[in-house]
Amino acid sequence: MRPPRWWTAPLLALALHAGAHAATPATVLLEELTWPELRDAQRAGKTTVIIPVGGTEQSGPQLALGKHNARVQSLARRIAESLGNALVAPVVSYVPEGQVTPPSSHMRFPGTISIPDATFQSLLDAAARSLKQGGFTDIVLIGDHGGYQTQLKAVAQRLNRDWAATPARAHYVDTYYRITQTAYVQALRDKGLSPAQIGEHAGAADTSLTLATAPDLARPEQLAAAAQGAPANGVSGDPRPSSIALGQIGVDLIVTHTVNAIRQATAARQ
């Protein structure tokens, strides 16, 4: 039975009133918020923002080209949720990946996208300044790829020189990437994996971490082919022992240590 027509206007007004006072969506991703929702989140204490840097590059036949982008967003989201006072900016997916012409490194494989160092640093600089202008006081840079780590540090240092007289600070948190090269590798060795299996690119460590954070970007049926075709197919390591469980070890280490590092960095300037 339909309600009388005279109910329609009051019900519509009530719905609009309720919507106007709805709580901020339960997301830490900046791009999923409206600007008033973001403003309210900042007023509630979310004044730290993470700029996650990925990259678009080949990772063998078993991992998609956007591995770094999906992985860094997934991990940055977990880090922000653990911090409680942070949001996550859109992923920077265009990064330096080697010489374009003639192609070097990952650029030898189709799908890899590379930009000049100066362009990359300018992009990060502009993004950080935009976020500062938008009300954030702590801008955190983390990167999922090893090749540009020194550039993240250089950008943060330059921003802090320019922001010395303001409340805002930029923080390059190297812990995020360093853990993947140290504690995570050691944890895999403790599980019985050899250095040759762990690898340096698209091996068991890299593939497992992707399985745990962005499983849709992995091709488990290609693990044997990836190992047999290495290194000509872009793989350094043996991804056959890869698993979600091994990747989760890396996830836990990265999130825990990065959260602690960000808290220390932001507390140190207060």
Protein backbone atom coordinates (compact mmCIF):
# COMPACT_ATOMS: atom_id res chain seq x y z
CA MET A 1 0.00 0.00 0.00
CA ARG A 2 1.43 3.35 -1.04
CA PRO A 3 1.55 6.20 1.53
CA PRO A 4 -0.81 9.16 0.95
CA ARG A 5 0.61 11.82 -1.37
CA TRP A 6 0.61 14.38 1.42
CA TRP A 7 3.35 12.31 3.10
CA THR A 8 5.75 12.75 0.20
CA ALA A 9 7.08 16.26 0.91
CA PRO A 10 7.71 15.70 4.66
CA LEU A 11 9.45 12.39 3.97
CA LEU A 12 11.65 13.97 1.29
CA ALA A 13 12.57 16.85 3.59
CA LEU A 14 13.45 14.41 6.37
CA ALA A 15 15.66 12.38 4.02
CA LEU A 16 17.48 15.47 2.80
CA HIS A 17 17.96 16.69 6.37
CA ALA A 18 19.39 13.33 7.41
CA GLY A 19 21.70 13.30 4.40
CA ALA A 20 22.97 16.78 5.18
CA HIS A 21 24.10 15.61 8.60
CA ALA A 22 25.45 12.20 7.55
CA ALA A 23 28.77 11.13 9.00
CA THR A 24 31.94 11.39 6.94
CA PRO A 25 32.35 8.20 4.87
CA ALA A 26 34.56 5.55 6.43
CA THR A 27 37.38 5.87 3.93
CA VAL A 28 40.94 7.17 4.20
CA LEU A 29 41.28 7.69 0.45
CA LEU A 30 41.25 11.38 -0.40
CA GLU A 31 39.76 10.84 -3.84
CA GLU A 32 36.68 9.15 -2.34
CA LEU A 33 35.76 12.21 -0.25
CA THR A 34 33.94 15.39 -1.20
CA TRP A 35 35.66 18.61 -0.20
CA PRO A 36 33.27 19.32 2.71
CA GLU A 37 33.85 15.76 3.96
CA LEU A 38 37.59 16.35 3.75
CA ARG A 39 37.26 19.65 5.60
CA ASP A 40 35.33 17.95 8.37
CA ALA A 41 37.88 15.14 8.58
CA GLN A 42 40.68 17.67 8.97
CA ARG A 43 38.76 19.51 11.67
CA ALA A 44 38.42 16.16 13.43
CA GLY A 45 42.21 15.78 13.43
CA LYS A 46 43.13 14.12 10.14
CA THR A 47 45.90 16.55 9.22
CA THR A 48 48.45 14.01 7.97
CA VAL A 49 48.35 12.93 4.34
CA ILE A 50 50.35 10.17 2.68
CA ILE A 51 51.48 10.54 -0.92
CA PRO A 52 51.98 6.96 -2.12
CA VAL A 53 54.37 6.59 -5.05
CA GLY A 54 54.17 3.53 -7.27
CA GLY A 55 55.29 3.09 -10.86
CA THR A 56 54.22 1.41 -14.08
CA GLU A 57 56.76 -1.22 -15.07
CA GLN A 58 57.17 -4.78 -16.21
CA SER A 59 57.35 -7.43 -13.50
CA GLY A 60 57.63 -10.62 -15.48
CA PRO A 61 54.79 -12.67 -16.98
CA GLN A 62 53.16 -13.29 -13.58
CA LEU A 63 52.61 -9.72 -12.32
CA ALA A 64 50.67 -6.92 -13.99
CA LEU A 65 52.28 -3.63 -14.95
CA GLY A 66 50.43 -1.73 -12.23
CA LYS A 67 51.75 -3.88 -9.39
CA HIS A 68 53.51 -1.01 -7.61
CA ASN A 69 50.48 1.29 -7.88
CA ALA A 70 47.94 -1.16 -6.47
CA ARG A 71 50.32 -2.37 -3.80
CA VAL A 72 51.32 1.05 -2.47
CA GLN A 73 47.70 2.19 -2.30
CA SER A 74 46.68 -0.95 -0.42
CA LEU A 75 49.54 -0.60 2.06
CA ALA A 76 49.12 3.17 2.42
CA ARG A 77 45.45 2.62 3.25
CA ARG A 78 46.36 0.15 5.97
CA ILE A 79 48.99 2.55 7.32
CA ALA A 80 46.56 5.48 7.40
CA GLU A 81 43.90 3.40 9.12
CA SER A 82 46.42 2.36 11.77
CA LEU A 83 47.58 5.93 12.31
CA GLY A 84 44.03 7.17 12.79
CA ASN A 85 44.85 10.78 11.86
CA ALA A 86 45.88 10.31 8.24
CA LEU A 87 44.43 10.21 4.75
CA VAL A 88 45.89 8.89 1.49
CA ALA A 89 46.38 11.02 -1.62
CA PRO A 90 46.03 9.53 -5.13
CA VAL A 91 48.89 7.24 -6.15
CA VAL A 92 51.69 8.75 -8.24
CA SER A 93 51.96 6.15 -11.01
CA TYR A 94 54.28 7.96 -13.44
CA VAL A 95 57.88 7.67 -12.23
CA PRO A 96 61.43 7.41 -13.63
CA GLU A 97 61.94 3.89 -14.97
CA GLY A 98 65.05 4.25 -17.10
CA GLN A 99 66.07 5.70 -20.42
CA VAL A 100 63.35 5.75 -23.06
CA THR A 101 65.46 5.99 -26.23
CA PRO A 102 67.40 3.80 -26.56
CA PRO A 103 65.46 1.83 -23.96
CA SER A 104 67.23 0.64 -20.82
CA SER A 105 66.25 -1.44 -17.81
CA HIS A 106 62.47 -1.99 -17.58
CA MET A 107 61.89 0.20 -20.64
CA ARG A 108 63.03 -2.75 -22.75
CA PHE A 109 59.61 -4.30 -22.09
CA PRO A 110 56.32 -2.95 -23.51
CA GLY A 111 54.03 -1.20 -21.05
CA THR A 112 56.69 0.35 -18.85
CA ILE A 113 56.29 4.13 -18.59
CA SER A 114 59.17 6.41 -17.64
CA ILE A 115 59.37 10.14 -17.03
CA PRO A 116 62.44 12.38 -16.50
CA ASP A 117 63.75 12.89 -12.97
CA ALA A 118 63.02 16.63 -13.07
CA THR A 119 59.42 16.01 -14.14
CA PHE A 120 58.95 13.47 -11.38
CA GLN A 121 60.31 15.77 -8.69
CA SER A 122 58.24 18.68 -9.99
CA LEU A 123 55.10 16.53 -9.86
CA LEU A 124 55.73 15.51 -6.25
CA ASP A 125 56.60 19.08 -5.26
CA ALA A 126 53.38 20.45 -6.75
CA ALA A 127 51.25 17.71 -5.20
CA ALA A 128 52.73 18.33 -1.75
CA ARG A 129 52.26 22.09 -2.03
CA SER A 130 48.65 21.57 -3.11
CA LEU A 131 47.97 19.38 -0.09
CA LYS A 132 49.58 21.92 2.23
CA GLN A 133 47.42 24.63 0.72
CA GLY A 134 44.43 22.36 1.31
CA GLY A 135 44.99 22.22 5.05
CA PHE A 136 47.37 19.33 5.73
CA THR A 137 50.29 19.97 8.07
CA ASP A 138 52.20 16.70 7.66
CA ILE A 139 52.83 15.43 4.14
CA VAL A 140 54.38 11.95 4.04
CA LEU A 141 56.18 10.51 1.01
CA ILE A 142 56.48 6.73 0.67
CA GLY A 143 57.60 4.80 -2.40
CA ASP A 144 57.13 1.18 -3.49
CA HIS A 145 60.01 1.15 -5.99
CA GLY A 146 63.70 1.43 -5.22
CA GLY A 147 64.87 3.56 -8.13
CA TYR A 148 63.50 6.91 -6.97
CA GLN A 149 64.01 6.76 -3.20
CA THR A 150 66.76 9.41 -3.19
CA GLN A 151 64.49 11.71 -5.18
CA LEU A 152 61.71 11.42 -2.63
CA LYS A 153 64.21 12.47 0.02
CA ALA A 154 65.41 15.43 -2.06
CA VAL A 155 61.85 16.68 -2.61
CA ALA A 156 61.04 16.48 1.11
CA GLN A 157 64.21 18.36 2.01
CA ARG A 158 63.47 21.14 -0.48
CA LEU A 159 59.89 21.49 0.75
CA ASN A 160 61.03 21.75 4.37
CA ARG A 161 63.48 24.50 3.50
CA ASP A 162 60.66 26.45 1.89
CA TRP A 163 58.24 25.68 4.72
CA ALA A 164 60.60 26.45 7.60
CA ALA A 165 58.50 29.40 8.80
CA THR A 166 55.19 27.50 8.55
CA PRO A 167 53.54 24.73 10.60
CA ALA A 168 53.72 22.31 7.65
CA ARG A 169 56.39 19.66 7.20
CA ALA A 170 57.22 17.05 4.57
CA HIS A 171 58.44 13.63 5.69
CA TYR A 172 60.26 11.15 3.49
CA VAL A 173 59.77 7.84 5.28
CA ASP A 174 62.36 5.41 3.92
CA THR A 175 61.23 2.71 6.36
CA TYR A 176 58.42 1.70 3.99
CA TYR A 177 60.82 0.53 1.27
CA ARG A 178 63.78 -0.41 3.48
CA ILE A 179 61.74 -3.04 5.32
CA THR A 180 61.14 -4.89 2.05
CA GLN A 181 64.89 -5.17 1.58
CA THR A 182 65.78 -6.12 5.16
CA ALA A 183 63.28 -7.52 7.68
CA TYR A 184 60.98 -8.98 5.03
CA VAL A 185 63.85 -10.72 3.24
CA GLN A 186 65.11 -12.12 6.54
CA ALA A 187 61.63 -13.36 7.44
CA LEU A 188 61.42 -15.23 4.13
CA ARG A 189 64.85 -16.74 4.71
CA ASP A 190 63.64 -17.88 8.12
CA LYS A 191 60.81 -19.66 6.29
CA GLY A 192 63.35 -21.61 4.26
CA LEU A 193 63.51 -19.56 1.08
CA SER A 194 66.92 -19.04 -0.52
CA PRO A 195 68.22 -15.69 -1.80
CA ALA A 196 67.88 -17.05 -5.34
CA GLN A 197 64.16 -17.68 -4.74
CA ILE A 198 63.52 -14.39 -2.92
CA GLY A 199 65.10 -12.46 -5.77
CA GLU A 200 65.43 -8.76 -6.40
CA HIS A 201 62.58 -8.16 -8.86
CA ALA A 202 59.42 -10.24 -9.44
CA GLY A 203 60.84 -13.13 -7.40
CA ALA A 204 59.14 -14.83 -4.48
CA ALA A 205 59.27 -11.77 -2.22
CA ASP A 206 57.83 -9.38 -4.80
CA THR A 207 55.20 -11.82 -6.03
CA SER A 208 54.08 -12.86 -2.53
CA LEU A 209 53.67 -9.25 -1.44
CA THR A 210 51.50 -8.60 -4.50
CA LEU A 211 49.40 -11.71 -3.85
CA ALA A 212 48.69 -10.39 -0.34
CA THR A 213 47.80 -6.83 -1.41
CA ALA A 214 46.56 -6.94 -5.01
CA PRO A 215 45.79 -10.57 -5.91
CA ASP A 216 43.93 -9.60 -9.09
CA LEU A 217 47.22 -8.36 -10.53
CA ALA A 218 48.98 -11.71 -10.12
CA ARG A 219 48.92 -14.65 -12.54
CA PRO A 220 49.63 -17.76 -10.44
CA GLU A 221 49.43 -19.99 -13.51
CA GLN A 222 52.51 -18.20 -14.87
CA LEU A 223 54.80 -18.81 -11.88
CA ALA A 224 56.61 -21.78 -13.39
CA ALA A 225 57.06 -20.04 -16.74
CA ALA A 226 58.33 -16.94 -14.97
CA ALA A 227 61.01 -18.94 -13.18
CA GLN A 228 62.07 -20.89 -16.26
CA GLY A 229 62.30 -17.80 -18.45
CA ALA A 230 64.28 -15.63 -16.02
CA PRO A 231 66.10 -13.31 -16.40
CA ALA A 232 65.24 -12.75 -20.07
CA ASN A 233 61.56 -12.26 -19.18
CA GLY A 234 62.27 -9.52 -16.62
CA VAL A 235 62.32 -11.72 -13.53
CA SER A 236 65.15 -11.77 -10.98
CA GLY A 237 64.38 -14.61 -8.59
CA ASP A 238 62.10 -17.64 -8.52
CA PRO A 239 58.44 -16.80 -7.86
CA ARG A 240 57.26 -20.43 -7.59
CA PRO A 241 57.28 -20.52 -3.74
CA SER A 242 55.11 -17.38 -3.61
CA SER A 243 51.97 -17.35 -1.48
CA ILE A 244 49.53 -14.99 0.19
CA ALA A 245 50.76 -16.18 3.58
CA LEU A 246 54.36 -15.22 2.78
CA GLY A 247 53.20 -11.88 1.44
CA GLN A 248 51.19 -11.18 4.58
CA ILE A 249 54.44 -11.35 6.56
CA GLY A 250 55.68 -8.44 4.47
CA VAL A 251 52.42 -6.54 4.82
CA ASP A 252 52.53 -6.77 8.61
CA LEU A 253 56.18 -5.69 8.76
CA ILE A 254 55.74 -2.76 6.37
CA VAL A 255 52.61 -1.43 8.06
CA THR A 256 53.87 -1.79 11.62
CA HIS A 257 57.28 -0.24 11.02
CA THR A 258 56.01 2.54 8.73
CA VAL A 259 53.29 3.55 11.20
CA ASN A 260 55.91 3.82 13.94
CA ALA A 261 58.25 5.79 11.69
CA ILE A 262 55.54 8.27 10.71
CA ARG A 263 54.52 8.78 14.32
CA GLN A 264 58.13 9.43 15.29
CA ALA A 265 58.66 11.83 12.39
CA THR A 266 55.54 13.88 13.07
CA ALA A 267 56.14 13.94 16.83
CA ALA A 268 59.74 15.09 16.42
CA ARG A 269 58.76 18.44 14.94
CA GLN A 270 56.12 19.30 17.55
